[in-house]
N, C-alpha and C. Protein backbone atom coordinates (compact mmCIF):
# COMPACT_ATOMS: atom_id res chain seq x y z
N GLU A 1 -35.18 22.94 63.30
CA GLU A 1 -34.94 24.28 63.90
C GLU A 1 -33.64 24.75 63.87
N LEU A 2 -33.13 25.50 63.90
CA LEU A 2 -32.26 26.40 63.62
C LEU A 2 -31.79 27.01 65.41
N MET A 3 -30.11 26.32 65.46
CA MET A 3 -30.51 26.17 66.45
C MET A 3 -29.20 27.28 67.36
N GLU A 4 -28.11 27.66 66.33
CA GLU A 4 -27.54 29.21 66.60
C GLU A 4 -26.43 28.86 65.01
N SER A 5 -25.91 29.66 64.98
CA SER A 5 -25.16 30.88 63.70
C SER A 5 -24.17 31.00 64.43
N ARG A 6 -22.88 31.00 63.49
CA ARG A 6 -21.47 31.65 63.93
C ARG A 6 -20.96 32.51 62.92
N ARG A 7 -20.61 32.76 63.54
CA ARG A 7 -19.53 33.42 62.74
C ARG A 7 -17.97 33.23 62.32
N MET A 8 -17.11 33.32 60.65
CA MET A 8 -16.37 32.40 60.23
C MET A 8 -15.03 33.61 59.63
N LEU A 9 -14.58 34.09 61.02
CA LEU A 9 -14.17 34.97 60.91
C LEU A 9 -12.69 34.94 60.20
N PHE A 10 -12.49 33.41 59.53
CA PHE A 10 -10.73 33.14 59.04
C PHE A 10 -11.45 32.65 58.20
N ASP A 11 -12.66 32.96 57.68
CA ASP A 11 -13.13 32.40 55.98
C ASP A 11 -13.36 34.40 55.44
N ALA A 12 -13.10 35.87 55.63
CA ALA A 12 -12.75 36.86 55.50
C ALA A 12 -10.86 36.36 54.76
N PHE A 13 -10.03 35.90 55.78
CA PHE A 13 -8.00 35.68 55.30
C PHE A 13 -8.80 35.52 54.26
N TYR A 14 -8.96 34.07 54.15
CA TYR A 14 -9.64 32.98 53.12
C TYR A 14 -9.47 33.73 51.72
N ILE A 15 -10.54 34.13 51.87
CA ILE A 15 -10.61 34.95 50.60
C ILE A 15 -10.80 35.82 49.82
N ALA A 16 -10.11 36.47 50.72
CA ALA A 16 -8.30 37.80 51.26
C ALA A 16 -7.24 37.55 49.54
N ILE A 17 -7.14 36.80 50.81
CA ILE A 17 -5.47 36.05 49.56
C ILE A 17 -5.52 35.06 48.18
N LEU A 18 -7.45 34.66 48.07
CA LEU A 18 -7.84 33.93 46.63
C LEU A 18 -8.35 35.64 45.88
N SER A 19 -8.24 36.35 46.43
CA SER A 19 -9.24 37.62 45.48
C SER A 19 -7.33 38.32 44.75
N GLU A 20 -6.15 38.38 46.32
CA GLU A 20 -5.38 39.34 45.57
C GLU A 20 -4.53 38.20 44.79
N ARG A 21 -5.25 37.40 45.23
CA ARG A 21 -3.24 35.85 43.57
C ARG A 21 -3.94 36.40 42.41
N TYR A 22 -5.26 36.21 42.51
CA TYR A 22 -6.13 36.24 41.29
C TYR A 22 -6.01 37.89 40.35
N ARG A 23 -4.96 38.36 41.49
CA ARG A 23 -5.16 39.96 40.94
C ARG A 23 -3.70 40.00 40.86
N GLY A 24 -2.39 38.94 40.91
CA GLY A 24 -1.17 38.70 40.14
C GLY A 24 -0.54 39.18 40.82
N HIS A 25 -0.78 39.17 42.56
CA HIS A 25 0.31 39.77 43.27
C HIS A 25 0.70 37.83 44.13
N SER A 26 2.40 37.76 44.10
CA SER A 26 3.31 37.01 44.39
C SER A 26 2.68 36.68 46.02
N LEU A 27 2.73 35.21 45.97
CA LEU A 27 2.33 34.70 47.37
C LEU A 27 2.51 35.47 48.69
N PRO A 28 3.83 35.99 48.66
CA PRO A 28 4.79 37.00 49.98
C PRO A 28 3.40 38.55 50.35
N VAL A 29 3.59 38.54 49.27
CA VAL A 29 2.51 40.07 48.92
C VAL A 29 0.64 39.56 49.43
N ALA A 30 0.55 38.84 48.83
CA ALA A 30 -1.11 38.50 48.51
C ALA A 30 -1.42 38.05 49.96
N LEU A 31 -0.22 37.41 50.64
CA LEU A 31 -0.50 37.21 51.91
C LEU A 31 -0.37 38.88 53.06
N VAL A 32 0.03 39.25 52.64
CA VAL A 32 -0.23 40.46 54.24
C VAL A 32 -1.07 41.35 52.98
N LEU A 33 -1.42 41.76 51.94
CA LEU A 33 -2.43 42.87 51.12
C LEU A 33 -4.03 41.89 52.24
N ALA A 34 -3.88 40.07 52.08
CA ALA A 34 -4.93 39.90 52.85
C ALA A 34 -5.45 40.30 54.10
N LEU A 35 -3.78 39.73 55.13
CA LEU A 35 -4.01 39.86 55.95
C LEU A 35 -4.97 41.50 57.00
N LEU A 36 -4.18 42.66 55.96
CA LEU A 36 -4.82 43.72 56.41
C LEU A 36 -6.44 43.42 56.08
N LYS A 37 -6.47 43.50 54.93
CA LYS A 37 -8.54 43.33 54.09
C LYS A 37 -9.22 42.76 55.52
N GLY A 38 -8.81 41.82 55.59
CA GLY A 38 -9.34 40.26 56.27
C GLY A 38 -9.15 40.84 57.88
N ALA A 39 -8.50 41.51 58.38
CA ALA A 39 -9.09 42.38 59.57
C ALA A 39 -9.49 43.17 59.43
N TRP A 40 -10.03 43.94 58.10
CA TRP A 40 -9.98 44.97 58.79
C TRP A 40 -11.94 44.77 58.39
N SER A 41 -11.86 43.86 57.10
CA SER A 41 -13.71 42.63 57.10
C SER A 41 -14.10 41.88 58.17
N ASN A 42 -13.19 41.39 59.73
CA ASN A 42 -14.02 41.47 60.44
C ASN A 42 -14.13 42.41 61.79
N LEU A 43 -12.78 43.33 61.39
CA LEU A 43 -13.23 44.21 62.32
C LEU A 43 -14.45 45.07 62.33
N VAL A 44 -14.13 45.45 60.55
CA VAL A 44 -15.96 46.10 60.63
C VAL A 44 -17.30 45.38 60.70
N ALA A 45 -17.38 44.25 60.53
CA ALA A 45 -18.44 43.34 61.21
C ALA A 45 -18.67 43.36 62.47
N LEU A 46 -17.38 43.01 63.12
CA LEU A 46 -18.42 42.86 64.35
C LEU A 46 -18.58 44.26 64.71
N THR A 47 -17.63 45.49 65.23
CA THR A 47 -18.62 46.41 66.11
C THR A 47 -19.27 47.21 65.40
N THR A 48 -20.20 47.15 63.63
CA THR A 48 -21.11 47.76 63.56
C THR A 48 -22.17 46.49 63.74
N GLY A 49 -22.01 45.20 63.92
CA GLY A 49 -22.49 44.16 64.24
C GLY A 49 -23.29 44.11 62.86
N ARG A 50 -22.95 44.14 61.71
CA ARG A 50 -22.95 43.85 60.49
C ARG A 50 -22.61 42.32 59.83
N PRO A 51 -23.02 42.23 58.87
CA PRO A 51 -22.61 40.18 58.92
C PRO A 51 -21.33 39.84 58.34
N THR A 52 -19.70 38.83 59.21
CA THR A 52 -19.51 38.42 58.87
C THR A 52 -19.50 37.90 57.26
N SER A 53 -17.74 37.39 56.19
CA SER A 53 -17.88 37.89 54.56
C SER A 53 -18.51 35.95 54.70
N SER A 54 -18.56 35.26 56.10
CA SER A 54 -19.87 33.98 55.88
C SER A 54 -20.24 33.55 57.12
N THR A 55 -20.98 33.01 57.60
CA THR A 55 -21.69 32.62 58.40
C THR A 55 -21.75 30.91 58.19
N LEU A 56 -22.31 30.29 59.76
CA LEU A 56 -22.58 29.54 59.52
C LEU A 56 -24.00 29.12 60.12
N TYR A 57 -24.72 28.42 59.46
CA TYR A 57 -25.99 28.12 60.34
C TYR A 57 -25.24 25.95 60.83
N ILE A 58 -26.22 26.13 62.75
CA ILE A 58 -26.55 25.13 63.00
C ILE A 58 -27.88 24.98 62.33
N ALA A 59 -28.43 23.78 62.66
CA ALA A 59 -29.53 23.35 62.82
C ALA A 59 -29.92 22.01 62.93
N ARG A 60 -30.85 21.66 63.38
CA ARG A 60 -31.92 20.29 63.51
C ARG A 60 -32.81 20.03 63.28
N LYS A 61 -32.84 18.46 63.05
CA LYS A 61 -34.16 17.64 62.20
C LYS A 61 -35.07 18.40 63.06
N VAL A 62 -36.11 18.88 63.76
CA VAL A 62 -36.91 18.30 64.39
C VAL A 62 -37.81 17.42 64.25
N ARG A 63 -38.32 16.94 65.44
CA ARG A 63 -39.18 15.49 64.49
C ARG A 63 -40.68 15.52 65.20
N VAL A 64 -41.56 15.17 64.05
CA VAL A 64 -43.27 16.19 64.63
C VAL A 64 -43.22 14.71 65.04
């Protein structure tokens, strides 16, 4: 049984950091770009009702 689902807001920042580092940016540049892109991603998700980059589903086992 699905109890609830939660948005993982910090995951957008983590994914953005990994992406920017993969693109070859230095860590300071990657952090700044990730901050901007992660914030933009979360802002779009929160204002439009679209899902965030990751969702945590909390379930419990149903006893029969």
